[in-house]
């Protein structure tokens, strides 16, 4: 039996930073809105600091952190698998990793046809 297709994955480097942030801030949440500038990056917040909207899509959990995407953005990205990674540099001003000198980013790949079929079946 194969594992279910996941919409969002996470690198070990990002997990390490998330664990550090959880130890400092408590439970976390990711949101990617698809807006310009900072909004196009995945933003990491303390759970409860960001209000999830009715159109936001829960993409999955990474390192026990829920990852949401704005509904309009999801329509553009629904054919891709996201991998959350971290790189050195200043990221989004409101995202929790910013003061640490790192920024989360999204790497993506287009789902294969069989993966799309699996995701449709899982609805």
PDB file of N, CA and C in Angstrom:
ATOM      1  N   UNK A   1       0.848  -1.187   0.000  1.00  0.00           N
ATOM      2  CA  UNK A   1       0.000   0.000   0.000  1.00  0.00           C
ATOM      3  C   UNK A   1       0.888   1.242   0.000  1.00  0.00           C
ATOM      4  N   UNK A   2       0.595   2.188  -0.865  1.00  0.00           N
ATOM      5  CA  UNK A   2       1.394   3.404  -0.961  1.00  0.00           C
ATOM      6  C   UNK A   2       0.809   4.486  -0.054  1.00  0.00           C
ATOM      7  N   UNK A   3       1.675   5.410   0.319  1.00  0.00           N
ATOM      8  CA  UNK A   3       1.240   6.531   1.157  1.00  0.00           C
ATOM      9  C   UNK A   3       0.339   7.446   0.337  1.00  0.00           C
ATOM     10  N   UNK A   4      -0.610   8.112   0.996  1.00  0.00           N
ATOM     11  CA  UNK A   4      -1.468   9.041   0.257  1.00  0.00           C
ATOM     12  C   UNK A   4      -0.652  10.207  -0.302  1.00  0.00           C
ATOM     13  N   UNK A   5      -1.126  10.734  -1.402  1.00  0.00           N
ATOM     14  CA  UNK A   5      -0.470  11.890  -2.018  1.00  0.00           C
ATOM     15  C   UNK A   5      -0.640  13.083  -1.089  1.00  0.00           C
ATOM     16  N   UNK A   6       0.445  13.773  -0.845  1.00  0.00           N
ATOM     17  CA  UNK A   6       0.409  14.941   0.031  1.00  0.00           C
ATOM     18  C   UNK A   6       0.573  16.208  -0.792  1.00  0.00           C
ATOM     19  N   UNK A   7      -0.200  17.221  -0.445  1.00  0.00           N
ATOM     20  CA  UNK A   7      -0.110  18.504  -1.150  1.00  0.00           C
ATOM     21  C   UNK A   7       1.066  19.336  -0.682  1.00  0.00           C
ATOM     22  N   UNK A   8       1.494  19.139   0.566  1.00  0.00           N
ATOM     23  CA  UNK A   8       2.590  19.950   1.101  1.00  0.00           C
ATOM     24  C   UNK A   8       3.560  19.058   1.883  1.00  0.00           C
ATOM     25  N   UNK A   9       4.842  19.266   1.602  1.00  0.00           N
ATOM     26  CA  UNK A   9       5.932  18.557   2.261  1.00  0.00           C
ATOM     27  C   UNK A   9       6.835  19.577   2.934  1.00  0.00           C
ATOM     28  N   UNK A  10       7.836  19.114   3.665  1.00  0.00           N
ATOM     29  CA  UNK A  10       8.748  20.015   4.365  1.00  0.00           C
ATOM     30  C   UNK A  10      10.147  19.413   4.375  1.00  0.00           C
ATOM     31  N   UNK A  11      11.152  20.254   4.234  1.00  0.00           N
ATOM     32  CA  UNK A  11      12.538  19.784   4.287  1.00  0.00           C
ATOM     33  C   UNK A  11      12.987  19.650   5.737  1.00  0.00           C
ATOM     34  N   UNK A  12      14.050  18.894   5.946  1.00  0.00           N
ATOM     35  CA  UNK A  12      14.599  18.739   7.290  1.00  0.00           C
ATOM     36  C   UNK A  12      15.066  20.082   7.858  1.00  0.00           C
ATOM     37  N   UNK A  13      15.638  20.925   7.023  1.00  0.00           N
ATOM     38  CA  UNK A  13      16.092  22.239   7.486  1.00  0.00           C
ATOM     39  C   UNK A  13      14.913  23.075   7.982  1.00  0.00           C
ATOM     40  N   UNK A  14      13.790  23.008   7.277  1.00  0.00           N
ATOM     41  CA  UNK A  14      12.608  23.750   7.697  1.00  0.00           C
ATOM     42  C   UNK A  14      12.030  23.165   8.979  1.00  0.00           C
ATOM     43  N   UNK A  15      12.060  21.831   9.112  1.00  0.00           N
ATOM     44  CA  UNK A  15      11.581  21.193  10.345  1.00  0.00           C
ATOM     45  C   UNK A  15      12.401  21.675  11.534  1.00  0.00           C
ATOM     46  N   UNK A  16      13.705  21.741  11.360  1.00  0.00           N
ATOM     47  CA  UNK A  16      14.589  22.183  12.443  1.00  0.00           C
ATOM     48  C   UNK A  16      14.215  23.605  12.895  1.00  0.00           C
ATOM     49  N   UNK A  17      14.011  24.499  11.948  1.00  0.00           N
ATOM     50  CA  UNK A  17      13.641  25.872  12.289  1.00  0.00           C
ATOM     51  C   UNK A  17      12.243  25.917  12.912  1.00  0.00           C
ATOM     52  N   UNK A  18      11.319  25.127  12.403  1.00  0.00           N
ATOM     53  CA  UNK A  18       9.973  25.088  12.973  1.00  0.00           C
ATOM     54  C   UNK A  18      10.001  24.610  14.422  1.00  0.00           C
ATOM     55  N   UNK A  19      10.814  23.613  14.718  1.00  0.00           N
ATOM     56  CA  UNK A  19      10.920  23.127  16.095  1.00  0.00           C
ATOM     57  C   UNK A  19      11.461  24.221  17.005  1.00  0.00           C
ATOM     58  N   UNK A  20      12.427  24.967  16.518  1.00  0.00           N
ATOM     59  CA  UNK A  20      12.978  26.096  17.284  1.00  0.00           C
ATOM     60  C   UNK A  20      11.908  27.160  17.531  1.00  0.00           C
ATOM     61  N   UNK A  21      11.147  27.474  16.492  1.00  0.00           N
ATOM     62  CA  UNK A  21      10.089  28.482  16.622  1.00  0.00           C
ATOM     63  C   UNK A  21       8.968  28.009  17.547  1.00  0.00           C
ATOM     64  N   UNK A  22       8.620  26.719  17.479  1.00  0.00           N
ATOM     65  CA  UNK A  22       7.589  26.184  18.378  1.00  0.00           C
ATOM     66  C   UNK A  22       8.048  26.257  19.833  1.00  0.00           C
ATOM     67  N   UNK A  23       9.321  25.971  20.077  1.00  0.00           N
ATOM     68  CA  UNK A  23       9.846  26.042  21.444  1.00  0.00           C
ATOM     69  C   UNK A  23       9.773  27.472  21.979  1.00  0.00           C
ATOM     70  N   UNK A  24       9.949  28.433  21.105  1.00  0.00           N
ATOM     71  CA  UNK A  24       9.941  29.840  21.493  1.00  0.00           C
ATOM     72  C   UNK A  24       8.536  30.445  21.552  1.00  0.00           C
ATOM     73  N   UNK A  25       7.656  30.058  20.614  1.00  0.00           N
ATOM     74  CA  UNK A  25       6.359  30.728  20.466  1.00  0.00           C
ATOM     75  C   UNK A  25       5.146  29.850  20.759  1.00  0.00           C
ATOM     76  N   UNK A  26       5.328  28.550  20.877  1.00  0.00           N
ATOM     77  CA  UNK A  26       4.194  27.641  21.049  1.00  0.00           C
ATOM     78  C   UNK A  26       3.668  27.169  19.702  1.00  0.00           C
ATOM     79  N   UNK A  27       2.413  26.686  19.664  1.00  0.00           N
ATOM     80  CA  UNK A  27       1.847  26.161  18.412  1.00  0.00           C
ATOM     81  C   UNK A  27       1.864  27.217  17.300  1.00  0.00           C
ATOM     82  N   UNK A  28       2.091  26.730  16.070  1.00  0.00           N
ATOM     83  CA  UNK A  28       2.249  27.615  14.911  1.00  0.00           C
ATOM     84  C   UNK A  28       1.219  27.313  13.833  1.00  0.00           C
ATOM     85  N   UNK A  29       1.182  28.184  12.836  1.00  0.00           N
ATOM     86  CA  UNK A  29       0.315  28.047  11.673  1.00  0.00           C
ATOM     87  C   UNK A  29       1.020  28.698  10.481  1.00  0.00           C
ATOM     88  N   UNK A  30       0.896  28.079   9.313  1.00  0.00           N
ATOM     89  CA  UNK A  30       1.383  28.673   8.066  1.00  0.00           C
ATOM     90  C   UNK A  30       0.205  29.149   7.246  1.00  0.00           C
ATOM     91  N   UNK A  31       0.416  30.259   6.539  1.00  0.00           N
ATOM     92  CA  UNK A  31      -0.583  30.727   5.580  1.00  0.00           C
ATOM     93  C   UNK A  31       0.144  31.333   4.384  1.00  0.00           C
ATOM     94  N   UNK A  32      -0.340  31.002   3.201  1.00  0.00           N
ATOM     95  CA  UNK A  32       0.170  31.606   1.980  1.00  0.00           C
ATOM     96  C   UNK A  32      -1.005  32.211   1.243  1.00  0.00           C
ATOM     97  N   UNK A  33      -0.969  33.537   1.097  1.00  0.00           N
ATOM     98  CA  UNK A  33      -2.133  34.230   0.546  1.00  0.00           C
ATOM     99  C   UNK A  33      -2.092  34.383  -0.963  1.00  0.00           C
ATOM    100  N   UNK A  34      -0.912  34.495  -1.519  1.00  0.00           N
ATOM    101  CA  UNK A  34      -0.819  34.728  -2.945  1.00  0.00           C
ATOM    102  C   UNK A  34      -0.828  36.191  -3.308  1.00  0.00           C
ATOM    103  N   UNK A  35      -0.802  37.061  -2.312  1.00  0.00           N
ATOM    104  CA  UNK A  35      -0.727  38.487  -2.585  1.00  0.00           C
ATOM    105  C   UNK A  35       0.649  38.863  -3.098  1.00  0.00           C
ATOM    106  N   UNK A  36       0.879  40.120  -3.279  1.00  0.00           N
ATOM    107  CA  UNK A  36       2.184  40.553  -3.759  1.00  0.00           C
ATOM    108  C   UNK A  36       3.171  40.640  -2.595  1.00  0.00           C
ATOM    109  N   UNK A  37       4.431  40.747  -2.916  1.00  0.00           N
ATOM    110  CA  UNK A  37       5.506  40.958  -1.940  1.00  0.00           C
ATOM    111  C   UNK A  37       5.487  39.882  -0.867  1.00  0.00           C
ATOM    112  N   UNK A  38       5.339  40.281   0.396  1.00  0.00           N
ATOM    113  CA  UNK A  38       5.338  39.318   1.491  1.00  0.00           C
ATOM    114  C   UNK A  38       4.236  38.282   1.358  1.00  0.00           C
ATOM    115  N   UNK A  39       3.110  38.641   0.786  1.00  0.00           N
ATOM    116  CA  UNK A  39       1.980  37.727   0.680  1.00  0.00           C
ATOM    117  C   UNK A  39       2.228  36.540  -0.221  1.00  0.00           C
ATOM    118  N   UNK A  40       3.228  36.622  -1.082  1.00  0.00           N
ATOM    119  CA  UNK A  40       3.505  35.499  -1.967  1.00  0.00           C
ATOM    120  C   UNK A  40       4.405  34.461  -1.305  1.00  0.00           C
ATOM    121  N   UNK A  41       4.897  34.740  -0.108  1.00  0.00           N
ATOM    122  CA  UNK A  41       5.746  33.815   0.635  1.00  0.00           C
ATOM    123  C   UNK A  41       4.904  33.101   1.686  1.00  0.00           C
ATOM    124  N   UNK A  42       5.301  31.887   2.061  1.00  0.00           N
ATOM    125  CA  UNK A  42       4.591  31.240   3.168  1.00  0.00           C
ATOM    126  C   UNK A  42       4.916  31.975   4.462  1.00  0.00           C
ATOM    127  N   UNK A  43       3.892  32.355   5.185  1.00  0.00           N
ATOM    128  CA  UNK A  43       4.054  33.127   6.414  1.00  0.00           C
ATOM    129  C   UNK A  43       3.784  32.229   7.611  1.00  0.00           C
ATOM    130  N   UNK A  44       4.670  32.288   8.597  1.00  0.00           N
ATOM    131  CA  UNK A  44       4.560  31.486   9.800  1.00  0.00           C
ATOM    132  C   UNK A  44       4.116  32.389  10.958  1.00  0.00           C
ATOM    133  N   UNK A  45       3.018  32.002  11.596  1.00  0.00           N
ATOM    134  CA  UNK A  45       2.441  32.779  12.690  1.00  0.00           C
ATOM    135  C   UNK A  45       2.273  31.902  13.925  1.00  0.00           C
ATOM    136  N   UNK A  46       2.141  32.542  15.072  1.00  0.00           N
ATOM    137  CA  UNK A  46       1.700  31.838  16.265  1.00  0.00           C
ATOM    138  C   UNK A  46       0.239  31.461  16.041  1.00  0.00           C
ATOM    139  N   UNK A  47      -0.123  30.234  16.381  1.00  0.00           N
ATOM    140  CA  UNK A  47      -1.495  29.769  16.198  1.00  0.00           C
ATOM    141  C   UNK A  47      -2.452  30.740  16.882  1.00  0.00           C
ATOM    142  N   UNK A  48      -3.476  31.165  16.175  1.00  0.00           N
ATOM    143  CA  UNK A  48      -4.451  32.110  16.694  1.00  0.00           C
ATOM    144  C   UNK A  48      -4.145  33.554  16.339  1.00  0.00           C
ATOM    145  N   UNK A  49      -2.934  33.826  15.880  1.00  0.00           N
ATOM    146  CA  UNK A  49      -2.556  35.195  15.514  1.00  0.00           C
ATOM    147  C   UNK A  49      -3.118  35.594  14.154  1.00  0.00           C
ATOM    148  N   UNK A  50      -3.346  34.606  13.288  1.00  0.00           N
ATOM    149  CA  UNK A  50      -3.857  34.854  11.947  1.00  0.00           C
ATOM    150  C   UNK A  50      -5.223  34.185  11.836  1.00  0.00           C
ATOM    151  N   UNK A  51      -6.219  34.921  11.391  1.00  0.00           N
ATOM    152  CA  UNK A  51      -7.564  34.369  11.261  1.00  0.00           C
ATOM    153  C   UNK A  51      -7.718  33.675   9.912  1.00  0.00           C
ATOM    154  N   UNK A  52      -8.025  32.396   9.968  1.00  0.00           N
ATOM    155  CA  UNK A  52      -8.260  31.610   8.759  1.00  0.00           C
ATOM    156  C   UNK A  52      -9.649  31.972   8.224  1.00  0.00           C
ATOM    157  N   UNK A  53      -9.707  32.251   6.915  1.00  0.00           N
ATOM    158  CA  UNK A  53     -10.972  32.611   6.286  1.00  0.00           C
ATOM    159  C   UNK A  53     -11.719  31.400   5.766  1.00  0.00           C
ATOM    160  N   UNK A  54     -12.977  31.600   5.448  1.00  0.00           N
ATOM    161  CA  UNK A  54     -13.839  30.518   4.963  1.00  0.00           C
ATOM    162  C   UNK A  54     -13.350  29.939   3.637  1.00  0.00           C
ATOM    163  N   UNK A  55     -12.648  30.738   2.841  1.00  0.00           N
ATOM    164  CA  UNK A  55     -12.158  30.258   1.534  1.00  0.00           C
ATOM    165  C   UNK A  55     -10.756  29.661   1.609  1.00  0.00           C
ATOM    166  N   UNK A  56     -10.071  29.816   2.743  1.00  0.00           N
ATOM    167  CA  UNK A  56      -8.721  29.257   2.876  1.00  0.00           C
ATOM    168  C   UNK A  56      -8.782  27.732   2.825  1.00  0.00           C
ATOM    169  N   UNK A  57      -7.771  27.135   2.207  1.00  0.00           N
ATOM    170  CA  UNK A  57      -7.709  25.683   2.017  1.00  0.00           C
ATOM    171  C   UNK A  57      -6.616  25.110   2.903  1.00  0.00           C
ATOM    172  N   UNK A  58      -6.983  24.114   3.712  1.00  0.00           N
ATOM    173  CA  UNK A  58      -5.992  23.411   4.531  1.00  0.00           C
ATOM    174  C   UNK A  58      -5.267  22.423   3.618  1.00  0.00           C
ATOM    175  N   UNK A  59      -4.001  22.697   3.352  1.00  0.00           N
ATOM    176  CA  UNK A  59      -3.205  21.876   2.430  1.00  0.00           C
ATOM    177  C   UNK A  59      -2.653  20.627   3.108  1.00  0.00           C
ATOM    178  N   UNK A  60      -2.537  20.679   4.423  1.00  0.00           N
ATOM    179  CA  UNK A  60      -1.966  19.580   5.188  1.00  0.00           C
ATOM    180  C   UNK A  60      -1.179  20.151   6.356  1.00  0.00           C
ATOM    181  N   UNK A  61      -0.532  19.262   7.087  1.00  0.00           N
ATOM    182  CA  UNK A  61       0.295  19.680   8.218  1.00  0.00           C
ATOM    183  C   UNK A  61       1.744  19.310   7.922  1.00  0.00           C
ATOM    184  N   UNK A  62       2.651  20.196   8.324  1.00  0.00           N
ATOM    185  CA  UNK A  62       4.085  19.913   8.205  1.00  0.00           C
ATOM    186  C   UNK A  62       4.698  20.111   9.584  1.00  0.00           C
ATOM    187  N   UNK A  63       5.380  19.087  10.078  1.00  0.00           N
ATOM    188  CA  UNK A  63       5.982  19.135  11.412  1.00  0.00           C
ATOM    189  C   UNK A  63       4.936  19.549  12.450  1.00  0.00           C
ATOM    190  N   UNK A  64       3.738  19.003  12.326  1.00  0.00           N
ATOM    191  CA  UNK A  64       2.614  19.305  13.228  1.00  0.00           C
ATOM    192  C   UNK A  64       2.180  20.768  13.179  1.00  0.00           C
ATOM    193  N   UNK A  65       2.416  21.423  12.065  1.00  0.00           N
ATOM    194  CA  UNK A  65       2.011  22.813  11.865  1.00  0.00           C
ATOM    195  C   UNK A  65       1.041  22.844  10.680  1.00  0.00           C
ATOM    196  N   UNK A  66      -0.204  23.290  10.891  1.00  0.00           N
ATOM    197  CA  UNK A  66      -1.143  23.355   9.767  1.00  0.00           C
ATOM    198  C   UNK A  66      -0.703  24.385   8.727  1.00  0.00           C
ATOM    199  N   UNK A  67      -0.879  24.022   7.455  1.00  0.00           N
ATOM    200  CA  UNK A  67      -0.508  24.898   6.344  1.00  0.00           C
ATOM    201  C   UNK A  67      -1.763  25.203   5.543  1.00  0.00           C
ATOM    202  N   UNK A  68      -2.104  26.490   5.443  1.00  0.00           N
ATOM    203  CA  UNK A  68      -3.276  26.959   4.710  1.00  0.00           C
ATOM    204  C   UNK A  68      -2.847  27.826   3.531  1.00  0.00           C
ATOM    205  N   UNK A  69      -3.679  27.822   2.504  1.00  0.00           N
ATOM    206  CA  UNK A  69      -3.458  28.689   1.352  1.00  0.00           C
ATOM    207  C   UNK A  69      -4.779  29.378   1.034  1.00  0.00           C
ATOM    208  N   UNK A  70      -4.681  30.641   0.652  1.00  0.00           N
ATOM    209  CA  UNK A  70      -5.869  31.371   0.233  1.00  0.00           C
ATOM    210  C   UNK A  70      -6.552  30.659  -0.919  1.00  0.00           C
ATOM    211  N   UNK A  71      -7.882  30.674  -0.928  1.00  0.00           N
ATOM    212  CA  UNK A  71      -8.648  29.938  -1.930  1.00  0.00           C
ATOM    213  C   UNK A  71      -8.332  30.309  -3.365  1.00  0.00           C
ATOM    214  N   UNK A  72      -8.189  31.588  -3.658  1.00  0.00           N
ATOM    215  CA  UNK A  72      -7.870  32.017  -5.023  1.00  0.00           C
ATOM    216  C   UNK A  72      -6.484  31.521  -5.424  1.00  0.00           C
ATOM    217  N   UNK A  73      -5.545  31.566  -4.503  1.00  0.00           N
ATOM    218  CA  UNK A  73      -4.192  31.084  -4.781  1.00  0.00           C
ATOM    219  C   UNK A  73      -4.200  29.567  -4.981  1.00  0.00           C
ATOM    220  N   UNK A  74      -5.000  28.863  -4.177  1.00  0.00           N
ATOM    221  CA  UNK A  74      -5.095  27.412  -4.312  1.00  0.00           C
ATOM    222  C   UNK A  74      -5.552  27.022  -5.710  1.00  0.00           C
ATOM    223  N   UNK A  75      -6.493  27.753  -6.268  1.00  0.00           N
ATOM    224  CA  UNK A  75      -6.971  27.443  -7.622  1.00  0.00           C
ATOM    225  C   UNK A  75      -5.826  27.495  -8.639  1.00  0.00           C
ATOM    226  N   UNK A  76      -4.854  28.350  -8.407  1.00  0.00           N
ATOM    227  CA  UNK A  76      -3.701  28.450  -9.306  1.00  0.00           C
ATOM    228  C   UNK A  76      -2.651  27.376  -9.037  1.00  0.00           C
ATOM    229  N   UNK A  77      -2.587  26.887  -7.805  1.00  0.00           N
ATOM    230  CA  UNK A  77      -1.531  25.956  -7.391  1.00  0.00           C
ATOM    231  C   UNK A  77      -2.027  24.534  -7.157  1.00  0.00           C
ATOM    232  N   UNK A  78      -3.304  24.246  -7.332  1.00  0.00           N
ATOM    233  CA  UNK A  78      -3.847  22.947  -6.954  1.00  0.00           C
ATOM    234  C   UNK A  78      -3.231  21.778  -7.722  1.00  0.00           C
ATOM    235  N   UNK A  79      -2.592  22.048  -8.820  1.00  0.00           N
ATOM    236  CA  UNK A  79      -1.954  20.998  -9.622  1.00  0.00           C
ATOM    237  C   UNK A  79      -0.494  20.762  -9.214  1.00  0.00           C
ATOM    238  N   UNK A  80      -0.052  21.416  -8.130  1.00  0.00           N
ATOM    239  CA  UNK A  80       1.346  21.292  -7.707  1.00  0.00           C
ATOM    240  C   UNK A  80       1.469  20.785  -6.278  1.00  0.00           C
ATOM    241  N   UNK A  81       2.580  20.091  -6.040  1.00  0.00           N
ATOM    242  CA  UNK A  81       2.956  19.702  -4.686  1.00  0.00           C
ATOM    243  C   UNK A  81       3.967  20.723  -4.187  1.00  0.00           C
ATOM    244  N   UNK A  82       3.740  21.228  -2.994  1.00  0.00           N
ATOM    245  CA  UNK A  82       4.616  22.235  -2.412  1.00  0.00           C
ATOM    246  C   UNK A  82       5.584  21.581  -1.438  1.00  0.00           C
ATOM    247  N   UNK A  83       6.803  22.064  -1.424  1.00  0.00           N
ATOM    248  CA  UNK A  83       7.770  21.675  -0.400  1.00  0.00           C
ATOM    249  C   UNK A  83       8.228  22.951   0.276  1.00  0.00           C
ATOM    250  N   UNK A  84       8.006  23.026   1.595  1.00  0.00           N
ATOM    251  CA  UNK A  84       8.411  24.198   2.364  1.00  0.00           C
ATOM    252  C   UNK A  84       9.863  24.001   2.764  1.00  0.00           C
ATOM    253  N   UNK A  85      10.683  24.974   2.420  1.00  0.00           N
ATOM    254  CA  UNK A  85      12.113  24.941   2.697  1.00  0.00           C
ATOM    255  C   UNK A  85      12.488  26.236   3.408  1.00  0.00           C
ATOM    256  N   UNK A  86      13.723  26.339   3.820  1.00  0.00           N
ATOM    257  CA  UNK A  86      14.209  27.539   4.482  1.00  0.00           C
ATOM    258  C   UNK A  86      15.583  27.869   3.915  1.00  0.00           C
ATOM    259  N   UNK A  87      15.834  29.159   3.729  1.00  0.00           N
ATOM    260  CA  UNK A  87      17.130  29.629   3.228  1.00  0.00           C
ATOM    261  C   UNK A  87      17.555  30.842   4.048  1.00  0.00           C
ATOM    262  N   UNK A  88      18.857  31.129   4.091  1.00  0.00           N
ATOM    263  CA  UNK A  88      19.308  32.340   4.786  1.00  0.00           C
ATOM    264  C   UNK A  88      18.772  33.589   4.091  1.00  0.00           C
ATOM    265  N   UNK A  89      18.522  34.611   4.860  1.00  0.00           N
ATOM    266  CA  UNK A  89      18.060  35.881   4.306  1.00  0.00           C
ATOM    267  C   UNK A  89      16.862  36.404   5.057  1.00  0.00           C
ATOM    268  N   UNK A  90      16.576  37.666   4.835  1.00  0.00           N
ATOM    269  CA  UNK A  90      15.424  38.289   5.470  1.00  0.00           C
ATOM    270  C   UNK A  90      14.181  37.985   4.651  1.00  0.00           C
ATOM    271  N   UNK A  91      13.179  37.477   5.327  1.00  0.00           N
ATOM    272  CA  UNK A  91      11.948  37.143   4.647  1.00  0.00           C
ATOM    273  C   UNK A  91      10.854  38.132   4.960  1.00  0.00           C
ATOM    274  N   UNK A  92       9.663  37.622   5.027  1.00  0.00           N
ATOM    275  CA  UNK A  92       8.487  38.433   5.282  1.00  0.00           C
ATOM    276  C   UNK A  92       8.561  39.061   6.666  1.00  0.00           C
ATOM    277  N   UNK A  93       8.244  40.327   6.746  1.00  0.00           N
ATOM    278  CA  UNK A  93       8.362  41.060   7.997  1.00  0.00           C
ATOM    279  C   UNK A  93       7.512  40.540   9.131  1.00  0.00           C
ATOM    280  N   UNK A  94       6.354  39.927   8.847  1.00  0.00           N
ATOM    281  CA  UNK A  94       5.470  39.451   9.905  1.00  0.00           C
ATOM    282  C   UNK A  94       5.644  37.971  10.211  1.00  0.00           C
ATOM    283  N   UNK A  95       6.447  37.276   9.432  1.00  0.00           N
ATOM    284  CA  UNK A  95       6.645  35.853   9.642  1.00  0.00           C
ATOM    285  C   UNK A  95       7.659  35.631  10.764  1.00  0.00           C
ATOM    286  N   UNK A  96       7.406  34.645  11.613  1.00  0.00           N
ATOM    287  CA  UNK A  96       8.193  34.447  12.836  1.00  0.00           C
ATOM    288  C   UNK A  96       9.677  34.155  12.610  1.00  0.00           C
ATOM    289  N   UNK A  97      10.037  33.623  11.456  1.00  0.00           N
ATOM    290  CA  UNK A  97      11.450  33.288  11.223  1.00  0.00           C
ATOM    291  C   UNK A  97      12.294  34.495  10.851  1.00  0.00           C
ATOM    292  N   UNK A  98      11.667  35.567  10.457  1.00  0.00           N
ATOM    293  CA  UNK A  98      12.374  36.744   9.948  1.00  0.00           C
ATOM    294  C   UNK A  98      13.482  37.259  10.869  1.00  0.00           C
ATOM    295  N   UNK A  99      13.247  37.430  12.170  1.00  0.00           N
ATOM    296  CA  UNK A  99      14.313  37.946  13.044  1.00  0.00           C
ATOM    297  C   UNK A  99      15.503  36.996  13.194  1.00  0.00           C
ATOM    298  N   UNK A 100      15.332  35.750  12.792  1.00  0.00           N
ATOM    299  CA  UNK A 100      16.407  34.771  12.926  1.00  0.00           C
ATOM    300  C   UNK A 100      17.353  34.763  11.728  1.00  0.00           C
ATOM    301  N   UNK A 101      17.072  35.590  10.729  1.00  0.00           N
ATOM    302  CA  UNK A 101      17.941  35.659   9.563  1.00  0.00           C
ATOM    303  C   UNK A 101      17.674  34.576   8.526  1.00  0.00           C
ATOM    304  N   UNK A 102      16.478  34.003   8.569  1.00  0.00           N
ATOM    305  CA  UNK A 102      16.081  32.984   7.595  1.00  0.00           C
ATOM    306  C   UNK A 102      14.726  33.367   7.022  1.00  0.00           C
ATOM    307  N   UNK A 103      14.388  32.690   5.917  1.00  0.00           N
ATOM    308  CA  UNK A 103      13.049  32.867   5.362  1.00  0.00           C
ATOM    309  C   UNK A 103      12.567  31.541   4.810  1.00  0.00           C
ATOM    310  N   UNK A 104      11.295  31.279   5.041  1.00  0.00           N
ATOM    311  CA  UNK A 104      10.666  30.097   4.455  1.00  0.00           C
ATOM    312  C   UNK A 104      10.358  30.402   3.001  1.00  0.00           C
ATOM    313  N   UNK A 105      10.442  29.392   2.164  1.00  0.00           N
ATOM    314  CA  UNK A 105      10.064  29.534   0.766  1.00  0.00           C
ATOM    315  C   UNK A 105       9.420  28.259   0.280  1.00  0.00           C
ATOM    316  N   UNK A 106       8.744  28.359  -0.847  1.00  0.00           N
ATOM    317  CA  UNK A 106       8.043  27.228  -1.438  1.00  0.00           C
ATOM    318  C   UNK A 106       8.787  26.762  -2.679  1.00  0.00           C
ATOM    319  N   UNK A 107       9.042  25.485  -2.724  1.00  0.00           N
ATOM    320  CA  UNK A 107       9.512  24.838  -3.956  1.00  0.00           C
ATOM    321  C   UNK A 107       8.327  23.997  -4.428  1.00  0.00           C
ATOM    322  N   UNK A 108       8.156  23.880  -5.717  1.00  0.00           N
ATOM    323  CA  UNK A 108       6.974  23.156  -6.192  1.00  0.00           C
ATOM    324  C   UNK A 108       7.310  22.277  -7.384  1.00  0.00           C
ATOM    325  N   UNK A 109       6.449  21.300  -7.571  1.00  0.00           N
ATOM    326  CA  UNK A 109       6.498  20.454  -8.761  1.00  0.00           C
ATOM    327  C   UNK A 109       5.076  20.124  -9.166  1.00  0.00           C
ATOM    328  N   UNK A 110       4.857  19.926 -10.432  1.00  0.00           N
ATOM    329  CA  UNK A 110       3.528  19.601 -10.943  1.00  0.00           C
ATOM    330  C   UNK A 110       3.235  18.132 -10.621  1.00  0.00           C
ATOM    331  N   UNK A 111       2.034  17.888 -10.104  1.00  0.00           N
ATOM    332  CA  UNK A 111       1.609  16.518  -9.835  1.00  0.00           C
ATOM    333  C   UNK A 111       1.554  15.714 -11.131  1.00  0.00           C
ATOM    334  N   UNK A 112       1.862  14.434 -11.015  1.00  0.00           N
ATOM    335  CA  UNK A 112       1.668  13.521 -12.138  1.00  0.00           C
ATOM    336  C   UNK A 112       0.180  13.167 -12.210  1.00  0.00           C
ATOM    337  N   UNK A 113      -0.255  12.666 -13.357  1.00  0.00           N
ATOM    338  CA  UNK A 113      -1.681  12.382 -13.578  1.00  0.00           C
ATOM    339  C   UNK A 113      -2.239  11.430 -12.526  1.00  0.00           C
ATOM    340  N   UNK A 114      -1.491  10.396 -12.155  1.00  0.00           N
ATOM    341  CA  UNK A 114      -1.988   9.442 -11.168  1.00  0.00           C
ATOM    342  C   UNK A 114      -2.162  10.109  -9.798  1.00  0.00           C
ATOM    343  N   UNK A 115      -1.318  11.100  -9.486  1.00  0.00           N
ATOM    344  CA  UNK A 115      -1.442  11.809  -8.212  1.00  0.00           C
ATOM    345  C   UNK A 115      -2.705  12.670  -8.198  1.00  0.00           C
ATOM    346  N   UNK A 116      -2.989  13.318  -9.321  1.00  0.00           N
ATOM    347  CA  UNK A 116      -4.209  14.118  -9.433  1.00  0.00           C
ATOM    348  C   UNK A 116      -5.420  13.212  -9.236  1.00  0.00           C
ATOM    349  N   UNK A 117      -5.397  12.028  -9.846  1.00  0.00           N
ATOM    350  CA  UNK A 117      -6.484  11.079  -9.698  1.00  0.00           C
ATOM    351  C   UNK A 117      -6.664  10.692  -8.227  1.00  0.00           C
ATOM    352  N   UNK A 118      -5.576  10.437  -7.527  1.00  0.00           N
ATOM    353  CA  UNK A 118      -5.637  10.067  -6.109  1.00  0.00           C
ATOM    354  C   UNK A 118      -6.221  11.206  -5.269  1.00  0.00           C
ATOM    355  N   UNK A 119      -5.794  12.424  -5.551  1.00  0.00           N
ATOM    356  CA  UNK A 119      -6.328  13.563  -4.809  1.00  0.00           C
ATOM    357  C   UNK A 119      -7.822  13.738  -5.053  1.00  0.00           C
ATOM    358  N   UNK A 120      -8.273  13.514  -6.282  1.00  0.00           N
ATOM    359  CA  UNK A 120      -9.695  13.622  -6.602  1.00  0.00           C
ATOM    360  C   UNK A 120     -10.491  12.553  -5.865  1.00  0.00           C
ATOM    361  N   UNK A 121      -9.937  11.329  -5.789  1.00  0.00           N
ATOM    362  CA  UNK A 121     -10.622  10.236  -5.093  1.00  0.00           C
ATOM    363  C   UNK A 121     -10.734  10.513  -3.602  1.00  0.00           C
ATOM    364  N   UNK A 122      -9.755  11.203  -3.048  1.00  0.00           N
ATOM    365  CA  UNK A 122      -9.705  11.451  -1.599  1.00  0.00           C
ATOM    366  C   UNK A 122     -10.658  12.548  -1.158  1.00  0.00           C
ATOM    367  N   UNK A 123     -11.262  13.278  -2.074  1.00  0.00           N
ATOM    368  CA  UNK A 123     -12.160  14.392  -1.704  1.00  0.00           C
ATOM    369  C   UNK A 123     -13.355  13.899  -0.929  1.00  0.00           C
TER     370      UNK A 123
END
